[in-house]
PDB file of all heavy atoms in Angstrom:
ATOM      1  N   ILE A   1      14.897-178.946  18.216  1.00  0.00           N
ATOM      2  CA  ILE A   1      13.582-178.767  17.601  1.00  0.00           C
ATOM      3  C   ILE A   1      13.548-179.536  16.288  1.00  0.00           C
ATOM      4  O   ILE A   1      14.569-179.967  15.774  1.00  0.00           O
ATOM      5  CB  ILE A   1      13.239-177.277  17.347  1.00  0.00           C
ATOM      6  CG1 ILE A   1      14.309-176.618  16.461  1.00  0.00           C
ATOM      7  CG2 ILE A   1      13.080-176.520  18.660  1.00  0.00           C
ATOM      8  CD1 ILE A   1      13.938-175.195  16.034  1.00  0.00           C
ATOM      9  N   GLY A   2      12.347-179.708  15.740  1.00  0.00           N
ATOM     10  CA  GLY A   2      12.209-180.374  14.457  1.00  0.00           C
ATOM     11  C   GLY A   2      11.960-181.864  14.607  1.00  0.00           C
ATOM     12  O   GLY A   2      11.713-182.381  15.696  1.00  0.00           O
ATOM     13  N   SER A   3      12.068-182.548  13.474  1.00  0.00           N
ATOM     14  CA  SER A   3      11.789-183.977  13.416  1.00  0.00           C
ATOM     15  C   SER A   3      12.880-184.662  12.613  1.00  0.00           C
ATOM     16  O   SER A   3      13.722-183.999  12.008  1.00  0.00           O
ATOM     17  CB  SER A   3      10.434-184.203  12.738  1.00  0.00           C
ATOM     18  OG  SER A   3      10.165-185.578  12.565  1.00  0.00           O
ATOM     19  N   ASP A   4      12.846-185.998  12.606  1.00  0.00           N
ATOM     20  CA  ASP A   4      13.813-186.689  11.759  1.00  0.00           C
ATOM     21  C   ASP A   4      13.404-186.509  10.286  1.00  0.00           C
ATOM     22  O   ASP A   4      12.241-186.211   9.985  1.00  0.00           O
ATOM     23  CB  ASP A   4      13.939-188.154  12.168  1.00  0.00           C
ATOM     24  CG  ASP A   4      12.952-189.064  11.473  1.00  0.00           C
ATOM     25  OD1 ASP A   4      13.109-189.312  10.271  1.00  0.00           O
ATOM     26  OD2 ASP A   4      12.017-189.533  12.137  1.00  0.00           O
ATOM     27  N   PRO A   5      14.334-186.647   9.355  1.00  0.00           N
ATOM     28  CA  PRO A   5      14.056-186.291   7.962  1.00  0.00           C
ATOM     29  C   PRO A   5      12.913-187.086   7.331  1.00  0.00           C
ATOM     30  O   PRO A   5      12.242-186.586   6.416  1.00  0.00           O
ATOM     31  CB  PRO A   5      15.381-186.592   7.246  1.00  0.00           C
ATOM     32  CG  PRO A   5      16.419-186.559   8.309  1.00  0.00           C
ATOM     33  CD  PRO A   5      15.747-187.038   9.555  1.00  0.00           C
ATOM     34  N   ASP A   6      12.674-188.307   7.798  1.00  0.00           N
ATOM     35  CA  ASP A   6      11.627-189.142   7.207  1.00  0.00           C
ATOM     36  C   ASP A   6      10.319-189.105   7.995  1.00  0.00           C
ATOM     37  O   ASP A   6       9.405-189.891   7.708  1.00  0.00           O
ATOM     38  CB  ASP A   6      12.125-190.586   7.084  1.00  0.00           C
ATOM     39  CG  ASP A   6      13.332-190.694   6.169  1.00  0.00           C
ATOM     40  OD1 ASP A   6      13.346-190.024   5.118  1.00  0.00           O
ATOM     41  OD2 ASP A   6      14.283-191.424   6.523  1.00  0.00           O
ATOM     42  N   LEU A   7      10.251-188.227   8.987  1.00  0.00           N
ATOM     43  CA  LEU A   7       9.044-188.059   9.798  1.00  0.00           C
ATOM     44  C   LEU A   7       8.606-189.374  10.450  1.00  0.00           C
ATOM     45  O   LEU A   7       7.428-189.667  10.558  1.00  0.00           O
ATOM     46  CB  LEU A   7       7.899-187.476   8.955  1.00  0.00           C
ATOM     47  CG  LEU A   7       8.189-186.145   8.248  1.00  0.00           C
ATOM     48  CD1 LEU A   7       6.972-185.704   7.445  1.00  0.00           C
ATOM     49  CD2 LEU A   7       8.586-185.068   9.253  1.00  0.00           C
ATOM     50  N   GLU A   8       9.579-190.135  10.907  1.00  0.00           N
ATOM     51  CA  GLU A   8       9.272-191.370  11.627  1.00  0.00           C
ATOM     52  C   GLU A   8       9.153-191.136  13.126  1.00  0.00           C
ATOM     53  O   GLU A   8       8.597-191.966  13.841  1.00  0.00           O
ATOM     54  CB  GLU A   8      10.341-192.422  11.341  1.00  0.00           C
ATOM     55  CG  GLU A   8      10.329-192.908   9.904  1.00  0.00           C
ATOM     56  CD  GLU A   8      11.423-193.917   9.613  1.00  0.00           C
ATOM     57  OE1 GLU A   8      12.447-193.932  10.332  1.00  0.00           O
ATOM     58  OE2 GLU A   8      11.247-194.680   8.654  1.00  0.00           O
ATOM     59  N   SER A   9       9.701-190.037  13.609  1.00  0.00           N
ATOM     60  CA  SER A   9       9.585-189.701  15.028  1.00  0.00           C
ATOM     61  C   SER A   9       9.710-188.192  15.179  1.00  0.00           C
ATOM     62  O   SER A   9      10.203-187.490  14.301  1.00  0.00           O
ATOM     63  CB  SER A   9      10.653-190.413  15.868  1.00  0.00           C
ATOM     64  OG  SER A   9      11.943-189.992  15.487  1.00  0.00           O
ATOM     65  N   GLY A  10       9.222-187.720  16.309  1.00  0.00           N
ATOM     66  CA  GLY A  10       9.250-186.287  16.607  1.00  0.00           C
ATOM     67  C   GLY A  10       8.722-186.079  18.011  1.00  0.00           C
ATOM     68  O   GLY A  10       8.728-186.993  18.832  1.00  0.00           O
ATOM     69  N   ILE A  11       8.246-184.885  18.288  1.00  0.00           N
ATOM     70  CA  ILE A  11       7.671-184.610  19.604  1.00  0.00           C
ATOM     71  C   ILE A  11       6.415-185.462  19.781  1.00  0.00           C
ATOM     72  O   ILE A  11       5.539-185.492  18.914  1.00  0.00           O
ATOM     73  CB  ILE A  11       7.335-183.112  19.726  1.00  0.00           C
ATOM     74  CG1 ILE A  11       8.620-182.285  19.736  1.00  0.00           C
ATOM     75  CG2 ILE A  11       6.514-182.840  20.967  1.00  0.00           C
ATOM     76  CD1 ILE A  11       9.541-182.563  20.900  1.00  0.00           C
ATOM     77  N   TYR A  12       6.333-186.167  20.931  1.00  0.00           N
ATOM     78  CA  TYR A  12       5.220-187.096  21.128  1.00  0.00           C
ATOM     79  C   TYR A  12       4.248-186.670  22.220  1.00  0.00           C
ATOM     80  O   TYR A  12       3.145-187.223  22.312  1.00  0.00           O
ATOM     81  CB  TYR A  12       5.745-188.499  21.436  1.00  0.00           C
ATOM     82  CG  TYR A  12       6.673-188.545  22.624  1.00  0.00           C
ATOM     83  CD1 TYR A  12       6.179-188.571  23.920  1.00  0.00           C
ATOM     84  CD2 TYR A  12       8.054-188.536  22.452  1.00  0.00           C
ATOM     85  CE1 TYR A  12       7.034-188.584  25.008  1.00  0.00           C
ATOM     86  CE2 TYR A  12       8.908-188.562  23.530  1.00  0.00           C
ATOM     87  CZ  TYR A  12       8.391-188.583  24.797  1.00  0.00           C
ATOM     88  OH  TYR A  12       9.236-188.590  25.876  1.00  0.00           O
ATOM     89  N   ALA A  13       4.622-185.718  23.077  1.00  0.00           N
ATOM     90  CA  ALA A  13       3.710-185.279  24.139  1.00  0.00           C
ATOM     91  C   ALA A  13       2.434-184.716  23.529  1.00  0.00           C
ATOM     92  O   ALA A  13       2.481-183.987  22.529  1.00  0.00           O
ATOM     93  CB  ALA A  13       4.379-184.228  25.010  1.00  0.00           C
ATOM     94  N   LYS A  14       1.302-185.060  24.118  1.00  0.00           N
ATOM     95  CA  LYS A  14       0.031-184.567  23.567  1.00  0.00           C
ATOM     96  C   LYS A  14      -0.024-183.046  23.606  1.00  0.00           C
ATOM     97  O   LYS A  14      -0.583-182.418  22.703  1.00  0.00           O
ATOM     98  CB  LYS A  14      -1.152-185.185  24.312  1.00  0.00           C
ATOM     99  CG  LYS A  14      -1.307-186.672  24.009  1.00  0.00           C
ATOM    100  CD  LYS A  14      -2.599-187.242  24.553  1.00  0.00           C
ATOM    101  CE  LYS A  14      -2.725-188.718  24.152  1.00  0.00           C
ATOM    102  NZ  LYS A  14      -3.969-189.328  24.652  1.00  0.00           N
ATOM    103  N   GLU A  15       0.533-182.471  24.664  1.00  0.00           N
ATOM    104  CA  GLU A  15       0.722-181.017  24.677  1.00  0.00           C
ATOM    105  C   GLU A  15       2.176-180.744  25.045  1.00  0.00           C
ATOM    106  O   GLU A  15       2.529-180.711  26.216  1.00  0.00           O
ATOM    107  CB  GLU A  15      -0.218-180.302  25.641  1.00  0.00           C
ATOM    108  CG  GLU A  15       0.014-178.798  25.594  1.00  0.00           C
ATOM    109  CD  GLU A  15      -1.121-177.981  26.172  1.00  0.00           C
ATOM    110  OE1 GLU A  15      -2.182-178.548  26.467  1.00  0.00           O
ATOM    111  OE2 GLU A  15      -0.943-176.764  26.330  1.00  0.00           O
ATOM    112  N   PRO A  16       3.037-180.542  24.062  1.00  0.00           N
ATOM    113  CA  PRO A  16       4.455-180.331  24.341  1.00  0.00           C
ATOM    114  C   PRO A  16       4.665-179.098  25.213  1.00  0.00           C
ATOM    115  O   PRO A  16       3.963-178.090  25.070  1.00  0.00           O
ATOM    116  CB  PRO A  16       5.066-180.125  22.951  1.00  0.00           C
ATOM    117  CG  PRO A  16       4.073-180.697  21.992  1.00  0.00           C
ATOM    118  CD  PRO A  16       2.737-180.510  22.623  1.00  0.00           C
ATOM    119  N   SER A  17       5.651-179.168  26.105  1.00  0.00           N
ATOM    120  CA  SER A  17       5.939-178.029  26.977  1.00  0.00           C
ATOM    121  C   SER A  17       6.856-177.026  26.307  1.00  0.00           C
ATOM    122  O   SER A  17       6.928-175.880  26.726  1.00  0.00           O
ATOM    123  CB  SER A  17       6.587-178.524  28.278  1.00  0.00           C
ATOM    124  OG  SER A  17       7.838-179.137  28.008  1.00  0.00           O
ATOM    125  N   HIS A  18       7.541-177.446  25.242  1.00  0.00           N
ATOM    126  CA  HIS A  18       8.548-176.564  24.664  1.00  0.00           C
ATOM    127  C   HIS A  18       7.927-175.647  23.604  1.00  0.00           C
ATOM    128  O   HIS A  18       6.820-175.874  23.104  1.00  0.00           O
ATOM    129  CB  HIS A  18       9.701-177.376  24.061  1.00  0.00           C
ATOM    130  CG  HIS A  18       9.315-178.107  22.832  1.00  0.00           C
ATOM    131  ND1 HIS A  18       9.488-177.590  21.583  1.00  0.00           N
ATOM    132  CD2 HIS A  18       8.737-179.309  22.672  1.00  0.00           C
ATOM    133  CE1 HIS A  18       9.046-178.448  20.687  1.00  0.00           C
ATOM    134  NE2 HIS A  18       8.580-179.498  21.329  1.00  0.00           N
ATOM    135  N   VAL A  19       8.668-174.629  23.241  1.00  0.00           N
ATOM    136  CA  VAL A  19       8.127-173.508  22.486  1.00  0.00           C
ATOM    137  C   VAL A  19       7.657-173.896  21.089  1.00  0.00           C
ATOM    138  O   VAL A  19       6.575-173.492  20.652  1.00  0.00           O
ATOM    139  CB  VAL A  19       9.155-172.354  22.450  1.00  0.00           C
ATOM    140  CG1 VAL A  19      10.460-172.785  21.818  1.00  0.00           C
ATOM    141  CG2 VAL A  19       8.617-171.133  21.747  1.00  0.00           C
ATOM    142  N   LEU A  20       8.432-174.663  20.351  1.00  0.00           N
ATOM    143  CA  LEU A  20       8.040-174.965  18.976  1.00  0.00           C
ATOM    144  C   LEU A  20       6.817-175.869  18.933  1.00  0.00           C
ATOM    145  O   LEU A  20       5.935-175.700  18.081  1.00  0.00           O
ATOM    146  CB  LEU A  20       9.203-175.581  18.192  1.00  0.00           C
ATOM    147  CG  LEU A  20       8.950-175.756  16.686  1.00  0.00           C
ATOM    148  CD1 LEU A  20       8.587-174.430  16.024  1.00  0.00           C
ATOM    149  CD2 LEU A  20      10.167-176.359  15.995  1.00  0.00           C
ATOM    150  N   GLY A  21       6.748-176.822  19.851  1.00  0.00           N
ATOM    151  CA  GLY A  21       5.561-177.671  19.916  1.00  0.00           C
ATOM    152  C   GLY A  21       4.309-176.859  20.200  1.00  0.00           C
ATOM    153  O   GLY A  21       3.238-177.107  19.621  1.00  0.00           O
ATOM    154  N   GLN A  22       4.426-175.873  21.074  1.00  0.00           N
ATOM    155  CA  GLN A  22       3.296-174.996  21.362  1.00  0.00           C
ATOM    156  C   GLN A  22       2.917-174.161  20.141  1.00  0.00           C
ATOM    157  O   GLN A  22       1.734-173.939  19.862  1.00  0.00           O
ATOM    158  CB  GLN A  22       3.649-174.082  22.541  1.00  0.00           C
ATOM    159  CG  GLN A  22       3.746-174.793  23.880  1.00  0.00           C
ATOM    160  CD  GLN A  22       2.380-175.050  24.490  1.00  0.00           C
ATOM    161  OE1 GLN A  22       1.548-174.152  24.567  1.00  0.00           O
ATOM    162  NE2 GLN A  22       2.136-176.279  24.919  1.00  0.00           N
ATOM    163  N   LEU A  23       3.914-173.693  19.400  1.00  0.00           N
ATOM    164  CA  LEU A  23       3.646-172.939  18.184  1.00  0.00           C
ATOM    165  C   LEU A  23       2.921-173.786  17.142  1.00  0.00           C
ATOM    166  O   LEU A  23       1.977-173.318  16.485  1.00  0.00           O
ATOM    167  CB  LEU A  23       4.953-172.397  17.593  1.00  0.00           C
ATOM    168  CG  LEU A  23       5.424-171.036  18.100  1.00  0.00           C
ATOM    169  CD1 LEU A  23       6.865-170.775  17.636  1.00  0.00           C
ATOM    170  CD2 LEU A  23       4.497-169.925  17.611  1.00  0.00           C
ATOM    171  N   VAL A  24       3.345-175.021  16.983  1.00  0.00           N
ATOM    172  CA  VAL A  24       2.687-175.916  16.018  1.00  0.00           C
ATOM    173  C   VAL A  24       1.233-176.128  16.411  1.00  0.00           C
ATOM    174  O   VAL A  24       0.326-176.090  15.559  1.00  0.00           O
ATOM    175  CB  VAL A  24       3.444-177.257  15.911  1.00  0.00           C
ATOM    176  CG1 VAL A  24       2.634-178.270  15.107  1.00  0.00           C
ATOM    177  CG2 VAL A  24       4.812-177.053  15.271  1.00  0.00           C
ATOM    178  N   MET A  25       0.972-176.329  17.698  1.00  0.00           N
ATOM    179  CA  MET A  25      -0.412-176.519  18.147  1.00  0.00           C
ATOM    180  C   MET A  25      -1.263-175.291  17.856  1.00  0.00           C
ATOM    181  O   MET A  25      -2.403-175.403  17.394  1.00  0.00           O
ATOM    182  CB  MET A  25      -0.438-176.849  19.639  1.00  0.00           C
ATOM    183  CG  MET A  25       0.129-178.216  19.980  1.00  0.00           C
ATOM    184  SD  MET A  25      -0.098-178.641  21.724  1.00  0.00           S
ATOM    185  CE  MET A  25      -1.859-178.989  21.764  1.00  0.00           C
ATOM    186  N   ALA A  26      -0.716-174.100  18.101  1.00  0.00           N
ATOM    187  CA  ALA A  26      -1.467-172.871  17.819  1.00  0.00           C
ATOM    188  C   ALA A  26      -1.707-172.718  16.322  1.00  0.00           C
ATOM    189  O   ALA A  26      -2.795-172.320  15.888  1.00  0.00           O
ATOM    190  CB  ALA A  26      -0.710-171.664  18.365  1.00  0.00           C
ATOM    191  N   ALA A  27      -0.710-173.051  15.520  1.00  0.00           N
ATOM    192  CA  ALA A  27      -0.846-172.927  14.070  1.00  0.00           C
ATOM    193  C   ALA A  27      -1.898-173.887  13.521  1.00  0.00           C
ATOM    194  O   ALA A  27      -2.611-173.569  12.564  1.00  0.00           O
ATOM    195  CB  ALA A  27       0.501-173.193  13.401  1.00  0.00           C
ATOM    196  N   ARG A  28      -2.002-175.070  14.139  1.00  0.00           N
ATOM    197  CA  ARG A  28      -2.941-176.088  13.655  1.00  0.00           C
ATOM    198  C   ARG A  28      -4.319-175.973  14.307  1.00  0.00           C
ATOM    199  O   ARG A  28      -5.192-176.807  14.085  1.00  0.00           O
ATOM    200  CB  ARG A  28      -2.365-177.486  13.899  1.00  0.00           C
ATOM    201  CG  ARG A  28      -1.026-177.711  13.196  1.00  0.00           C
ATOM    202  CD  ARG A  28      -0.522-179.137  13.325  1.00  0.00           C
ATOM    203  NE  ARG A  28      -1.313-180.028  12.485  1.00  0.00           N
ATOM    204  CZ  ARG A  28      -2.032-181.061  12.928  1.00  0.00           C
ATOM    205  NH1 ARG A  28      -2.057-181.328  14.228  1.00  0.00           N
ATOM    206  NH2 ARG A  28      -2.704-181.820  12.106  1.00  0.00           N
ATOM    207  N   GLY A  29      -4.514-174.922  15.125  1.00  0.00           N
ATOM    208  CA  GLY A  29      -5.809-174.703  15.742  1.00  0.00           C
ATOM    209  C   GLY A  29      -6.086-175.568  16.941  1.00  0.00           C
ATOM    210  O   GLY A  29      -7.216-175.617  17.437  1.00  0.00           O
ATOM    211  N   GLN A  30      -5.060-176.256  17.453  1.00  0.00           N
ATOM    212  CA  GLN A  30      -5.247-177.104  18.633  1.00  0.00           C
ATOM    213  C   GLN A  30      -5.181-176.290  19.924  1.00  0.00           C
ATOM    214  O   GLN A  30      -5.553-176.774  20.984  1.00  0.00           O
ATOM    215  CB  GLN A  30      -4.188-178.204  18.653  1.00  0.00           C
ATOM    216  CG  GLN A  30      -4.320-179.199  17.515  1.00  0.00           C
ATOM    217  CD  GLN A  30      -3.091-180.085  17.385  1.00  0.00           C
ATOM    218  OE1 GLN A  30      -2.082-179.702  16.790  1.00  0.00           O
ATOM    219  NE2 GLN A  30      -3.170-181.271  17.955  1.00  0.00           N
ATOM    220  N   LYS A  31      -4.684-175.065  19.822  1.00  0.00           N
ATOM    221  CA  LYS A  31      -4.706-174.107  20.923  1.00  0.00           C
ATOM    222  C   LYS A  31      -5.194-172.773  20.365  1.00  0.00           C
ATOM    223  O   LYS A  31      -5.009-172.479  19.184  1.00  0.00           O
ATOM    224  CB  LYS A  31      -3.300-173.919  21.513  1.00  0.00           C
ATOM    225  CG  LYS A  31      -2.748-175.113  22.247  1.00  0.00           C
ATOM    226  CD  LYS A  31      -1.362-174.846  22.805  1.00  0.00           C
ATOM    227  CE  LYS A  31      -1.378-173.862  23.966  1.00  0.00           C
ATOM    228  NZ  LYS A  31      -1.922-174.438  25.201  1.00  0.00           N
ATOM    229  N   ASP A  32      -5.821-171.967  21.248  1.00  0.00           N
ATOM    230  CA  ASP A  32      -6.330-170.665  20.805  1.00  0.00           C
ATOM    231  C   ASP A  32      -5.207-169.730  20.399  1.00  0.00           C
ATOM    232  O   ASP A  32      -5.384-168.878  19.524  1.00  0.00           O
ATOM    233  CB  ASP A  32      -7.158-170.005  21.919  1.00  0.00           C
ATOM    234  CG  ASP A  32      -8.442-170.765  22.201  1.00  0.00           C
ATOM    235  OD1 ASP A  32      -8.889-171.510  21.303  1.00  0.00           O
ATOM    236  OD2 ASP A  32      -8.966-170.633  23.311  1.00  0.00           O
ATOM    237  N   HIS A  33      -4.057-169.878  21.075  1.00  0.00           N
ATOM    238  CA  HIS A  33      -2.949-168.964  20.812  1.00  0.00           C
ATOM    239  C   HIS A  33      -1.651-169.572  21.339  1.00  0.00           C
ATOM    240  O   HIS A  33      -1.668-170.548  22.094  1.00  0.00           O
ATOM    241  CB  HIS A  33      -3.197-167.606  21.484  1.00  0.00           C
ATOM    242  CG  HIS A  33      -3.389-167.708  22.976  1.00  0.00           C
ATOM    243  ND1 HIS A  33      -4.640-167.822  23.550  1.00  0.00           N
ATOM    244  CD2 HIS A  33      -2.490-167.764  24.000  1.00  0.00           C
ATOM    245  CE1 HIS A  33      -4.500-167.925  24.869  1.00  0.00           C
ATOM    246  NE2 HIS A  33      -3.211-167.898  25.160  1.00  0.00           N
ATOM    247  N   PHE A  34      -0.558-168.973  20.949  1.00  0.00           N
ATOM    248  CA  PHE A  34       0.758-169.306  21.501  1.00  0.00           C
ATOM    249  C   PHE A  34       1.091-168.279  22.576  1.00  0.00           C
ATOM    250  O   PHE A  34       0.897-167.068  22.378  1.00  0.00           O
ATOM    251  CB  PHE A  34       1.824-169.273  20.404  1.00  0.00           C
ATOM    252  CG  PHE A  34       3.226-169.328  20.936  1.00  0.00           C
ATOM    253  CD1 PHE A  34       3.728-170.500  21.464  1.00  0.00           C
ATOM    254  CD2 PHE A  34       4.038-168.205  20.946  1.00  0.00           C
ATOM    255  CE1 PHE A  34       5.018-170.564  21.986  1.00  0.00           C
ATOM    256  CE2 PHE A  34       5.329-168.247  21.446  1.00  0.00           C
ATOM    257  CZ  PHE A  34       5.813-169.432  21.967  1.00  0.00           C
ATOM    258  N   THR A  35       1.586-168.747  23.722  1.00  0.00           N
ATOM    259  CA  THR A  35       1.898-167.849  24.829  1.00  0.00           C
ATOM    260  C   THR A  35       3.400-167.658  24.951  1.00  0.00           C
ATOM    261  O   THR A  35       4.149-168.627  25.102  1.00  0.00           O
ATOM    262  CB  THR A  35       1.355-168.410  26.157  1.00  0.00           C
ATOM    263  OG1 THR A  35      -0.059-168.611  26.035  1.00  0.00           O
ATOM    264  CG2 THR A  35       1.627-167.446  27.303  1.00  0.00           C
ATOM    265  N   ILE A  36       3.843-166.416  24.874  1.00  0.00           N
ATOM    266  CA  ILE A  36       5.231-166.067  25.163  1.00  0.00           C
ATOM    267  C   ILE A  36       5.352-165.906  26.670  1.00  0.00           C
ATOM    268  O   ILE A  36       4.737-165.020  27.256  1.00  0.00           O
ATOM    269  CB  ILE A  36       5.657-164.763  24.461  1.00  0.00           C
ATOM    270  CG1 ILE A  36       5.548-164.915  22.941  1.00  0.00           C
ATOM    271  CG2 ILE A  36       7.078-164.376  24.853  1.00  0.00           C
ATOM    272  CD1 ILE A  36       5.858-163.636  22.173  1.00  0.00           C
ATOM    273  N   THR A  37       6.114-166.778  27.316  1.00  0.00           N
ATOM    274  CA  THR A  37       6.248-166.726  28.776  1.00  0.00           C
ATOM    275  C   THR A  37       7.512-165.939  29.131  1.00  0.00           C
ATOM    276  O   THR A  37       8.618-166.443  28.993  1.00  0.00           O
ATOM    277  CB  THR A  37       6.300-168.139  29.369  1.00  0.00           C
ATOM    278  OG1 THR A  37       7.320-168.885  28.716  1.00  0.00           O
ATOM    279  CG2 THR A  37       4.980-168.860  29.169  1.00  0.00           C
ATOM    280  N   GLY A  38       7.313-164.712  29.556  1.00  0.00           N
ATOM    281  CA  GLY A  38       8.425-163.847  29.930  1.00  0.00           C
ATOM    282  C   GLY A  38       8.729-162.840  28.837  1.00  0.00           C
ATOM    283  O   GLY A  38       9.208-163.207  27.768  1.00  0.00           O
ATOM    284  N   VAL A  39       8.425-161.562  29.114  1.00  0.00           N
ATOM    285  CA  VAL A  39       8.656-160.512  28.107  1.00  0.00           C
ATOM    286  C   VAL A  39       9.484-159.361  28.652  1.00  0.00           C
ATOM    287  O   VAL A  39       9.647-158.329  27.995  1.00  0.00           O
ATOM    288  CB  VAL A  39       7.312-159.970  27.558  1.00  0.00           C
ATOM    289  CG1 VAL A  39       6.575-161.055  26.778  1.00  0.00           C
ATOM    290  CG2 VAL A  39       6.425-159.427  28.683  1.00  0.00           C
ATOM    291  N   ASP A  40      10.027-159.534  29.864  1.00  0.00           N
ATOM    292  CA  ASP A  40      10.824-158.478  30.492  1.00  0.00           C
ATOM    293  C   ASP A  40      12.259-158.936  30.753  1.00  0.00           C
ATOM    294  O   ASP A  40      12.936-158.436  31.653  1.00  0.00           O
ATOM    295  CB  ASP A  40      10.174-158.036  31.810  1.00  0.00           C
ATOM    296  CG  ASP A  40       8.808-157.399  31.591  1.00  0.00           C
ATOM    297  OD1 ASP A  40       8.696-156.581  30.665  1.00  0.00           O
ATOM    298  OD2 ASP A  40       7.863-157.749  32.323  1.00  0.00           O
ATOM    299  N   HIS A  41      12.724-159.896  30.000  1.00  0.00           N
ATOM    300  CA  HIS A  41      14.092-160.382  30.158  1.00  0.00           C
ATOM    301  C   HIS A  41      15.091-159.368  29.584  1.00  0.00           C
ATOM    302  O   HIS A  41      14.737-158.563  28.706  1.00  0.00           O
ATOM    303  CB  HIS A  41      14.267-161.720  29.439  1.00  0.00           C
ATOM    304  CG  HIS A  41      13.491-162.845  30.040  1.00  0.00           C
ATOM    305  ND1 HIS A  41      13.562-163.183  31.372  1.00  0.00           N
ATOM    306  CD2 HIS A  41      12.612-163.720  29.479  1.00  0.00           C
ATOM    307  CE1 HIS A  41      12.786-164.220  31.605  1.00  0.00           C
ATOM    308  NE2 HIS A  41      12.193-164.560  30.479  1.00  0.00           N
ATOM    309  N   PRO A  42      16.339-159.414  30.039  1.00  0.00           N
ATOM    310  CA  PRO A  42      17.346-158.454  29.564  1.00  0.00           C
ATOM    311  C   PRO A  42      17.931-158.847  28.195  1.00  0.00           C
ATOM    312  O   PRO A  42      19.144-158.898  27.998  1.00  0.00           O
ATOM    313  CB  PRO A  42      18.408-158.515  30.657  1.00  0.00           C
ATOM    314  CG  PRO A  42      18.331-159.904  31.185  1.00  0.00           C
ATOM    315  CD  PRO A  42      16.867-160.264  31.144  1.00  0.00           C
ATOM    316  N   THR A  43      17.030-159.152  27.252  1.00  0.00           N
ATOM    317  CA  THR A  43      17.447-159.508  25.888  1.00  0.00           C
ATOM    318  C   THR A  43      17.053-158.373  24.938  1.00  0.00           C
ATOM    319  O   THR A  43      16.429-157.400  25.348  1.00  0.00           O
ATOM    320  CB  THR A  43      16.775-160.805  25.437  1.00  0.00           C
ATOM    321  OG1 THR A  43      15.354-160.619  25.448  1.00  0.00           O
ATOM    322  CG2 THR A  43      17.147-161.962  26.352  1.00  0.00           C
TER     323      THR A  43
END
């Protein structure tokens, strides 16, 4: 997760499939919400 220190590259997918990219989109208003997929795991 994260980006390079100088912000020259990072996640490039318009809608990232991974969790942090989805969180960033929700935080920036690009998605209505962040979805937690799976809440009944043995954790």
